[in-house]
């Protein structure tokens, strides 16, 4: 008999995605509110996705077992 299936965390699948080489992308923070005091260049640079920190990779991979 087969083992149990591992469910994906719904919150994680909305927040993270994988690159072609297997790294994990995330959206940058600080672009939701209080935008008037932030410079246009800061807001422009925050639009681009970023990779998660190396010490968070194991935790995110546990949340996304089928990724």
N, C-alpha and C. Protein backbone atom coordinates (compact mmCIF):
# COMPACT_ATOMS: atom_id res chain seq x y z
N UNK A 1 0.84 -1.18 0.00
CA UNK A 1 0.00 0.00 0.00
C UNK A 1 0.88 1.24 0.00
N UNK A 2 0.46 2.23 -0.76
CA UNK A 2 1.27 3.45 -0.89
C UNK A 2 1.21 4.27 0.38
N UNK A 3 2.22 5.13 0.55
CA UNK A 3 2.25 6.01 1.72
C UNK A 3 1.30 7.17 1.56
N UNK A 4 1.36 8.07 2.50
CA UNK A 4 0.48 9.23 2.48
C UNK A 4 0.98 10.28 1.50
N UNK A 5 0.03 11.01 0.92
CA UNK A 5 0.41 12.14 0.08
C UNK A 5 0.66 13.34 1.00
N UNK A 6 1.61 14.18 0.63
CA UNK A 6 1.90 15.37 1.41
C UNK A 6 1.21 16.54 0.74
N UNK A 7 0.41 17.27 1.51
CA UNK A 7 -0.30 18.42 0.95
C UNK A 7 0.62 19.63 0.88
N UNK A 8 0.39 20.45 -0.12
CA UNK A 8 1.09 21.72 -0.26
C UNK A 8 0.41 22.76 0.61
N UNK A 9 1.20 23.62 1.27
CA UNK A 9 0.62 24.72 2.04
C UNK A 9 0.03 25.74 1.07
N UNK A 10 -1.25 26.04 1.20
CA UNK A 10 -1.90 26.96 0.28
C UNK A 10 -1.31 28.36 0.37
N UNK A 11 -0.91 28.77 1.56
CA UNK A 11 -0.32 30.10 1.71
C UNK A 11 1.01 30.19 0.99
N UNK A 12 1.76 29.10 0.98
CA UNK A 12 3.08 29.12 0.34
C UNK A 12 2.96 29.10 -1.18
N UNK A 13 1.99 28.37 -1.72
CA UNK A 13 1.90 28.29 -3.18
C UNK A 13 1.46 29.62 -3.78
N UNK A 14 0.83 30.48 -2.97
CA UNK A 14 0.46 31.81 -3.45
C UNK A 14 1.64 32.78 -3.40
N UNK A 15 2.63 32.49 -2.57
CA UNK A 15 3.70 33.45 -2.33
C UNK A 15 5.02 33.12 -3.03
N UNK A 16 5.26 31.88 -3.32
CA UNK A 16 6.55 31.46 -3.87
C UNK A 16 6.37 30.77 -5.20
N UNK A 17 7.41 30.87 -6.05
CA UNK A 17 7.43 30.11 -7.30
C UNK A 17 8.86 29.69 -7.57
N UNK A 18 9.01 28.68 -8.40
CA UNK A 18 10.34 28.12 -8.67
C UNK A 18 10.88 28.64 -9.99
N UNK A 19 12.19 28.86 -10.04
CA UNK A 19 12.85 29.21 -11.29
C UNK A 19 13.15 27.92 -12.04
N UNK A 20 13.65 28.05 -13.24
CA UNK A 20 13.97 26.88 -14.04
C UNK A 20 15.08 26.04 -13.43
N UNK A 21 15.99 26.69 -12.70
CA UNK A 21 17.10 25.95 -12.09
C UNK A 21 16.77 25.45 -10.69
N UNK A 22 15.54 25.69 -10.22
CA UNK A 22 15.12 25.14 -8.94
C UNK A 22 15.23 26.09 -7.77
N UNK A 23 15.67 27.33 -8.00
CA UNK A 23 15.70 28.30 -6.91
C UNK A 23 14.28 28.80 -6.67
N UNK A 24 14.07 29.46 -5.52
CA UNK A 24 12.72 29.88 -5.14
C UNK A 24 12.63 31.40 -5.18
N UNK A 25 11.65 31.89 -5.94
CA UNK A 25 11.43 33.32 -6.08
C UNK A 25 10.37 33.78 -5.09
N UNK A 26 10.45 35.06 -4.72
CA UNK A 26 9.45 35.68 -3.86
C UNK A 26 9.27 37.12 -4.29
N UNK A 27 8.13 37.72 -3.90
CA UNK A 27 7.90 39.13 -4.17
C UNK A 27 8.54 39.92 -3.04
N UNK A 28 9.02 41.12 -3.35
CA UNK A 28 9.65 41.94 -2.33
C UNK A 28 8.60 42.63 -1.46
N UNK A 29 8.95 42.88 -0.21
CA UNK A 29 8.05 43.52 0.74
C UNK A 29 8.12 45.04 0.60
N UNK A 30 7.29 45.73 1.37
CA UNK A 30 7.28 47.19 1.50
C UNK A 30 6.72 47.92 0.29
N UNK A 31 5.81 47.29 -0.44
CA UNK A 31 5.21 47.96 -1.60
C UNK A 31 3.68 47.93 -1.52
N UNK A 32 3.14 47.80 -0.32
CA UNK A 32 1.69 47.68 -0.15
C UNK A 32 1.03 48.98 0.28
N UNK A 33 1.62 49.69 1.23
CA UNK A 33 1.00 50.92 1.73
C UNK A 33 2.10 51.86 2.21
N UNK A 34 1.72 53.08 2.57
CA UNK A 34 2.64 54.16 2.94
C UNK A 34 3.66 54.37 1.82
N UNK A 35 3.15 54.56 0.61
CA UNK A 35 4.03 54.69 -0.54
C UNK A 35 4.44 56.12 -0.82
N UNK A 36 3.78 57.10 -0.17
CA UNK A 36 4.07 58.50 -0.50
C UNK A 36 5.47 58.91 -0.05
N UNK A 37 5.95 58.34 1.03
CA UNK A 37 7.27 58.73 1.54
C UNK A 37 8.41 57.95 0.88
N UNK A 38 8.08 56.94 0.08
CA UNK A 38 9.12 56.16 -0.58
C UNK A 38 9.44 56.79 -1.93
N UNK A 39 10.70 56.79 -2.27
CA UNK A 39 11.12 57.42 -3.52
C UNK A 39 10.68 56.58 -4.72
N UNK A 40 10.50 57.24 -5.87
CA UNK A 40 10.11 56.49 -7.07
C UNK A 40 11.10 55.39 -7.43
N UNK A 41 12.39 55.65 -7.22
CA UNK A 41 13.38 54.63 -7.57
C UNK A 41 13.27 53.43 -6.64
N UNK A 42 12.98 53.67 -5.36
CA UNK A 42 12.82 52.55 -4.43
C UNK A 42 11.61 51.71 -4.82
N UNK A 43 10.50 52.36 -5.14
CA UNK A 43 9.29 51.63 -5.55
C UNK A 43 9.53 50.87 -6.85
N UNK A 44 10.28 51.44 -7.76
CA UNK A 44 10.58 50.79 -9.03
C UNK A 44 11.44 49.55 -8.80
N UNK A 45 12.42 49.65 -7.92
CA UNK A 45 13.30 48.51 -7.66
C UNK A 45 12.60 47.40 -6.89
N UNK A 46 11.57 47.74 -6.11
CA UNK A 46 10.84 46.73 -5.35
C UNK A 46 9.89 45.92 -6.22
N UNK A 47 9.64 46.35 -7.45
CA UNK A 47 8.73 45.61 -8.33
C UNK A 47 9.31 44.26 -8.74
N UNK A 48 10.62 44.17 -8.81
CA UNK A 48 11.25 42.95 -9.31
C UNK A 48 11.25 41.86 -8.25
N UNK A 49 11.11 40.64 -8.69
CA UNK A 49 11.13 39.51 -7.77
C UNK A 49 12.54 39.30 -7.23
N UNK A 50 12.64 38.61 -6.13
CA UNK A 50 13.92 38.34 -5.49
C UNK A 50 13.94 36.86 -5.12
N UNK A 51 15.12 36.35 -4.80
CA UNK A 51 15.24 34.97 -4.35
C UNK A 51 15.17 34.93 -2.83
N UNK A 52 14.68 33.84 -2.28
CA UNK A 52 14.61 33.74 -0.83
C UNK A 52 16.01 33.52 -0.26
N UNK A 53 16.16 33.83 1.02
CA UNK A 53 17.45 33.68 1.68
C UNK A 53 17.83 32.20 1.77
N UNK A 54 19.12 31.90 1.72
CA UNK A 54 19.54 30.49 1.76
C UNK A 54 19.10 29.75 3.01
N UNK A 55 18.99 30.44 4.16
CA UNK A 55 18.59 29.74 5.37
C UNK A 55 17.08 29.48 5.44
N UNK A 56 16.29 30.01 4.49
CA UNK A 56 14.86 29.74 4.44
C UNK A 56 14.48 28.67 3.42
N UNK A 57 15.43 28.20 2.65
CA UNK A 57 15.14 27.27 1.55
C UNK A 57 14.52 25.98 2.07
N UNK A 58 15.07 25.43 3.14
CA UNK A 58 14.57 24.14 3.64
C UNK A 58 13.13 24.27 4.12
N UNK A 59 12.79 25.36 4.78
CA UNK A 59 11.43 25.53 5.30
C UNK A 59 10.43 25.68 4.15
N UNK A 60 10.80 26.43 3.12
CA UNK A 60 9.88 26.63 1.99
C UNK A 60 9.73 25.34 1.20
N UNK A 61 10.80 24.57 1.05
CA UNK A 61 10.70 23.30 0.33
C UNK A 61 9.80 22.31 1.07
N UNK A 62 9.79 22.37 2.41
CA UNK A 62 8.86 21.52 3.17
C UNK A 62 7.42 21.92 2.93
N UNK A 63 7.19 23.24 2.74
CA UNK A 63 5.82 23.71 2.50
C UNK A 63 5.38 23.41 1.07
N UNK A 64 6.33 23.27 0.14
CA UNK A 64 6.02 23.02 -1.26
C UNK A 64 6.66 21.69 -1.70
N UNK A 65 6.15 20.56 -1.24
CA UNK A 65 6.82 19.29 -1.51
C UNK A 65 6.77 18.88 -2.98
N UNK A 66 5.78 19.37 -3.74
CA UNK A 66 5.65 18.94 -5.14
C UNK A 66 6.18 19.98 -6.11
N UNK A 67 6.93 20.98 -5.59
CA UNK A 67 7.38 22.08 -6.45
C UNK A 67 8.59 21.76 -7.27
